[in-house]
Amino acid sequence: MVETPAGKMAVGMVDGTPFATSNRCRHLLASLGEGKVVDGCLECPWHGARYDVSSGEMVLGPQGAFKPIAGAVKSTLGARKLKTYPVEVRDGAIWLVG
C-alpha cells in the first residue's frame, strides 16, 4: 500500500507488469496493499477474494468462512470494480502516469 495524492493504492507487479488499484476490498474493506498476487490476481489478505488488477473486477468471492456466500458477495458488493490507475516502471520504481 502506498499513499499518493490520489489516495491510498495497492501497487505491485504481475508477470513483470506494474499495477495500481484502489486499496480497499469490496467485501469488508481490508487493505489490499497488504495482500499478495496469486495466479495473476490481487488477493485480499482477510478472506481471499481475488481481483483482476488490469480491470479491477472481483474474479473470486471471499473464501474461508465466507465461501458459502461468495457468489452473493461477488454479485453485489463485488460488482463494483476496483479503480485502476495507469502506471509504468521508471528507474526500478512504479510511477503513476498522467
C-alpha atoms as a PDB file:
ATOM      1  CA  MET A   1       0.000   0.000   0.000  1.00  0.00           C
ATOM      2  CA  VAL A   2       1.265   3.445  -0.869  1.00  0.00           C
ATOM      3  CA  GLU A   3      -0.080   6.867  -0.038  1.00  0.00           C
ATOM      4  CA  THR A   4      -0.445   9.124  -3.096  1.00  0.00           C
ATOM      5  CA  PRO A   5      -2.072  12.491  -3.819  1.00  0.00           C
ATOM      6  CA  ALA A   6      -4.946  10.402  -5.291  1.00  0.00           C
ATOM      7  CA  GLY A   7      -5.318   8.399  -2.037  1.00  0.00           C
ATOM      8  CA  LYS A   8      -4.116   5.003  -0.838  1.00  0.00           C
ATOM      9  CA  MET A   9      -3.373   2.446  -3.554  1.00  0.00           C
ATOM     10  CA  ALA A  10      -2.389  -1.200  -3.775  1.00  0.00           C
ATOM     11  CA  VAL A  11       0.674  -1.289  -6.030  1.00  0.00           C
ATOM     12  CA  GLY A  12       2.712  -4.196  -7.347  1.00  0.00           C
ATOM     13  CA  MET A  13       3.778  -6.340 -10.288  1.00  0.00           C
ATOM     14  CA  VAL A  14       2.068  -9.212 -12.116  1.00  0.00           C
ATOM     15  CA  ASP A  15       4.236 -11.166 -14.544  1.00  0.00           C
ATOM     16  CA  GLY A  16       6.577  -8.190 -14.949  1.00  0.00           C
ATOM     17  CA  THR A  17       3.749  -5.702 -15.498  1.00  0.00           C
ATOM     18  CA  PRO A  18       3.119  -2.986 -12.886  1.00  0.00           C
ATOM     19  CA  PHE A  19      -0.345  -2.273 -11.495  1.00  0.00           C
ATOM     20  CA  ALA A  20      -2.061   0.149  -9.148  1.00  0.00           C
ATOM     21  CA  THR A  21      -5.614  -0.234  -7.832  1.00  0.00           C
ATOM     22  CA  SER A  22      -7.754   1.287  -5.128  1.00  0.00           C
ATOM     23  CA  ASN A  23      -6.729  -0.166  -1.779  1.00  0.00           C
ATOM     24  CA  ARG A  24      -9.940  -1.423  -0.144  1.00  0.00           C
ATOM     25  CA  CYS A  25     -11.522  -4.833  -0.678  1.00  0.00           C
ATOM     26  CA  ARG A  26     -15.190  -4.562  -1.632  1.00  0.00           C
ATOM     27  CA  HIS A  27     -16.122  -7.246   0.925  1.00  0.00           C
ATOM     28  CA  LEU A  28     -15.063  -5.896   4.353  1.00  0.00           C
ATOM     29  CA  LEU A  29     -12.702  -3.073   3.341  1.00  0.00           C
ATOM     30  CA  ALA A  30      -9.414  -4.860   4.071  1.00  0.00           C
ATOM     31  CA  SER A  31      -6.242  -3.166   2.829  1.00  0.00           C
ATOM     32  CA  LEU A  32      -5.461  -4.890  -0.479  1.00  0.00           C
ATOM     33  CA  GLY A  33      -1.946  -3.455  -0.300  1.00  0.00           C
ATOM     34  CA  GLU A  34      -1.330  -5.995   2.467  1.00  0.00           C
ATOM     35  CA  GLY A  35      -2.479  -8.834   0.196  1.00  0.00           C
ATOM     36  CA  LYS A  36      -0.483 -10.832  -2.324  1.00  0.00           C
ATOM     37  CA  VAL A  37      -0.533 -11.662  -6.010  1.00  0.00           C
ATOM     38  CA  VAL A  38      -1.912 -15.158  -6.688  1.00  0.00           C
ATOM     39  CA  ASP A  39      -2.434 -16.545 -10.194  1.00  0.00           C
ATOM     40  CA  GLY A  40      -2.143 -13.044 -11.654  1.00  0.00           C
ATOM     41  CA  CYS A  41      -4.739 -11.574  -9.292  1.00  0.00           C
ATOM     42  CA  LEU A  42      -4.516  -9.412  -6.169  1.00  0.00           C
ATOM     43  CA  GLU A  43      -5.767 -11.464  -3.212  1.00  0.00           C
ATOM     44  CA  CYS A  44      -7.412  -9.892  -0.167  1.00  0.00           C
ATOM     45  CA  PRO A  45      -5.394 -10.660   2.983  1.00  0.00           C
ATOM     46  CA  TRP A  46      -8.510 -11.226   5.126  1.00  0.00           C
ATOM     47  CA  HIS A  47     -10.796 -13.606   3.227  1.00  0.00           C
ATOM     48  CA  GLY A  48      -9.077 -14.402  -0.064  1.00  0.00           C
ATOM     49  CA  ALA A  49     -11.286 -12.530  -2.526  1.00  0.00           C
ATOM     50  CA  ARG A  50      -9.324 -12.014  -5.757  1.00  0.00           C
ATOM     51  CA  TYR A  51      -9.258  -9.097  -8.166  1.00  0.00           C
ATOM     52  CA  ASP A  52      -8.034  -8.823 -11.749  1.00  0.00           C
ATOM     53  CA  VAL A  53      -5.506  -5.977 -11.468  1.00  0.00           C
ATOM     54  CA  SER A  54      -5.978  -4.809 -15.061  1.00  0.00           C
ATOM     55  CA  SER A  55      -9.773  -4.423 -14.868  1.00  0.00           C
ATOM     56  CA  GLY A  56     -10.415  -4.171 -11.110  1.00  0.00           C
ATOM     57  CA  GLU A  57     -13.042  -6.910 -11.391  1.00  0.00           C
ATOM     58  CA  MET A  58     -13.588  -9.307  -8.483  1.00  0.00           C
ATOM     59  CA  VAL A  59     -12.934 -12.709 -10.063  1.00  0.00           C
ATOM     60  CA  LEU A  60     -13.302 -14.802  -6.891  1.00  0.00           C
ATOM     61  CA  GLY A  61     -15.532 -14.005  -3.932  1.00  0.00           C
ATOM     62  CA  PRO A  62     -14.377 -14.304  -0.314  1.00  0.00           C
ATOM     63  CA  GLN A  63     -13.211 -17.710   0.886  1.00  0.00           C
ATOM     64  CA  GLY A  64     -12.943 -19.439   4.279  1.00  0.00           C
ATOM     65  CA  ALA A  65     -15.998 -18.933   6.488  1.00  0.00           C
ATOM     66  CA  PHE A  66     -17.462 -16.614   3.844  1.00  0.00           C
ATOM     67  CA  LYS A  67     -17.210 -19.134   0.978  1.00  0.00           C
ATOM     68  CA  PRO A  68     -20.920 -20.134   1.210  1.00  0.00           C
ATOM     69  CA  ILE A  69     -21.890 -16.538   0.376  1.00  0.00           C
ATOM     70  CA  ALA A  70     -19.012 -15.824  -2.047  1.00  0.00           C
ATOM     71  CA  GLY A  71     -21.329 -15.754  -5.069  1.00  0.00           C
ATOM     72  CA  ALA A  72     -23.700 -13.294  -3.395  1.00  0.00           C
ATOM     73  CA  VAL A  73     -20.810 -11.031  -2.348  1.00  0.00           C
ATOM     74  CA  LYS A  74     -19.317 -11.170  -5.840  1.00  0.00           C
ATOM     75  CA  SER A  75     -22.629 -10.242  -7.496  1.00  0.00           C
ATOM     76  CA  THR A  76     -23.449  -7.412  -5.059  1.00  0.00           C
ATOM     77  CA  LEU A  77     -20.521  -5.656  -3.374  1.00  0.00           C
ATOM     78  CA  GLY A  78     -18.029  -7.258  -5.749  1.00  0.00           C
ATOM     79  CA  ALA A  79     -19.892  -5.992  -8.814  1.00  0.00           C
ATOM     80  CA  ARG A  80     -18.338  -2.580  -8.163  1.00  0.00           C
ATOM     81  CA  LYS A  81     -14.852  -2.795  -9.687  1.00  0.00           C
ATOM     82  CA  LEU A  82     -11.730  -1.503  -8.008  1.00  0.00           C
ATOM     83  CA  LYS A  83     -10.426   1.693  -9.511  1.00  0.00           C
ATOM     84  CA  THR A  84      -7.322   1.038 -11.610  1.00  0.00           C
ATOM     85  CA  TYR A  85      -4.612   3.580 -12.377  1.00  0.00           C
ATOM     86  CA  PRO A  86      -2.184   3.835 -15.314  1.00  0.00           C
ATOM     87  CA  VAL A  87       1.372   3.129 -14.152  1.00  0.00           C
ATOM     88  CA  GLU A  88       4.812   2.436 -15.561  1.00  0.00           C
ATOM     89  CA  VAL A  89       8.202   1.353 -14.245  1.00  0.00           C
ATOM     90  CA  ARG A  90      10.899   4.024 -14.256  1.00  0.00           C
ATOM     91  CA  ASP A  91      14.322   3.535 -12.698  1.00  0.00           C
ATOM     92  CA  GLY A  92      13.089   0.428 -10.877  1.00  0.00           C
ATOM     93  CA  ALA A  93      10.076   2.162  -9.260  1.00  0.00           C
ATOM     94  CA  ILE A  94       6.376   2.134 -10.152  1.00  0.00           C
ATOM     95  CA  TRP A  95       5.096   5.585 -11.144  1.00  0.00           C
ATOM     96  CA  LEU A  96       1.596   6.874 -11.805  1.00  0.00           C
ATOM     97  CA  VAL A  97       1.221   8.041 -15.408  1.00  0.00           C
ATOM     98  CA  GLY A  98      -0.780  11.090 -16.426  1.00  0.00           C
END
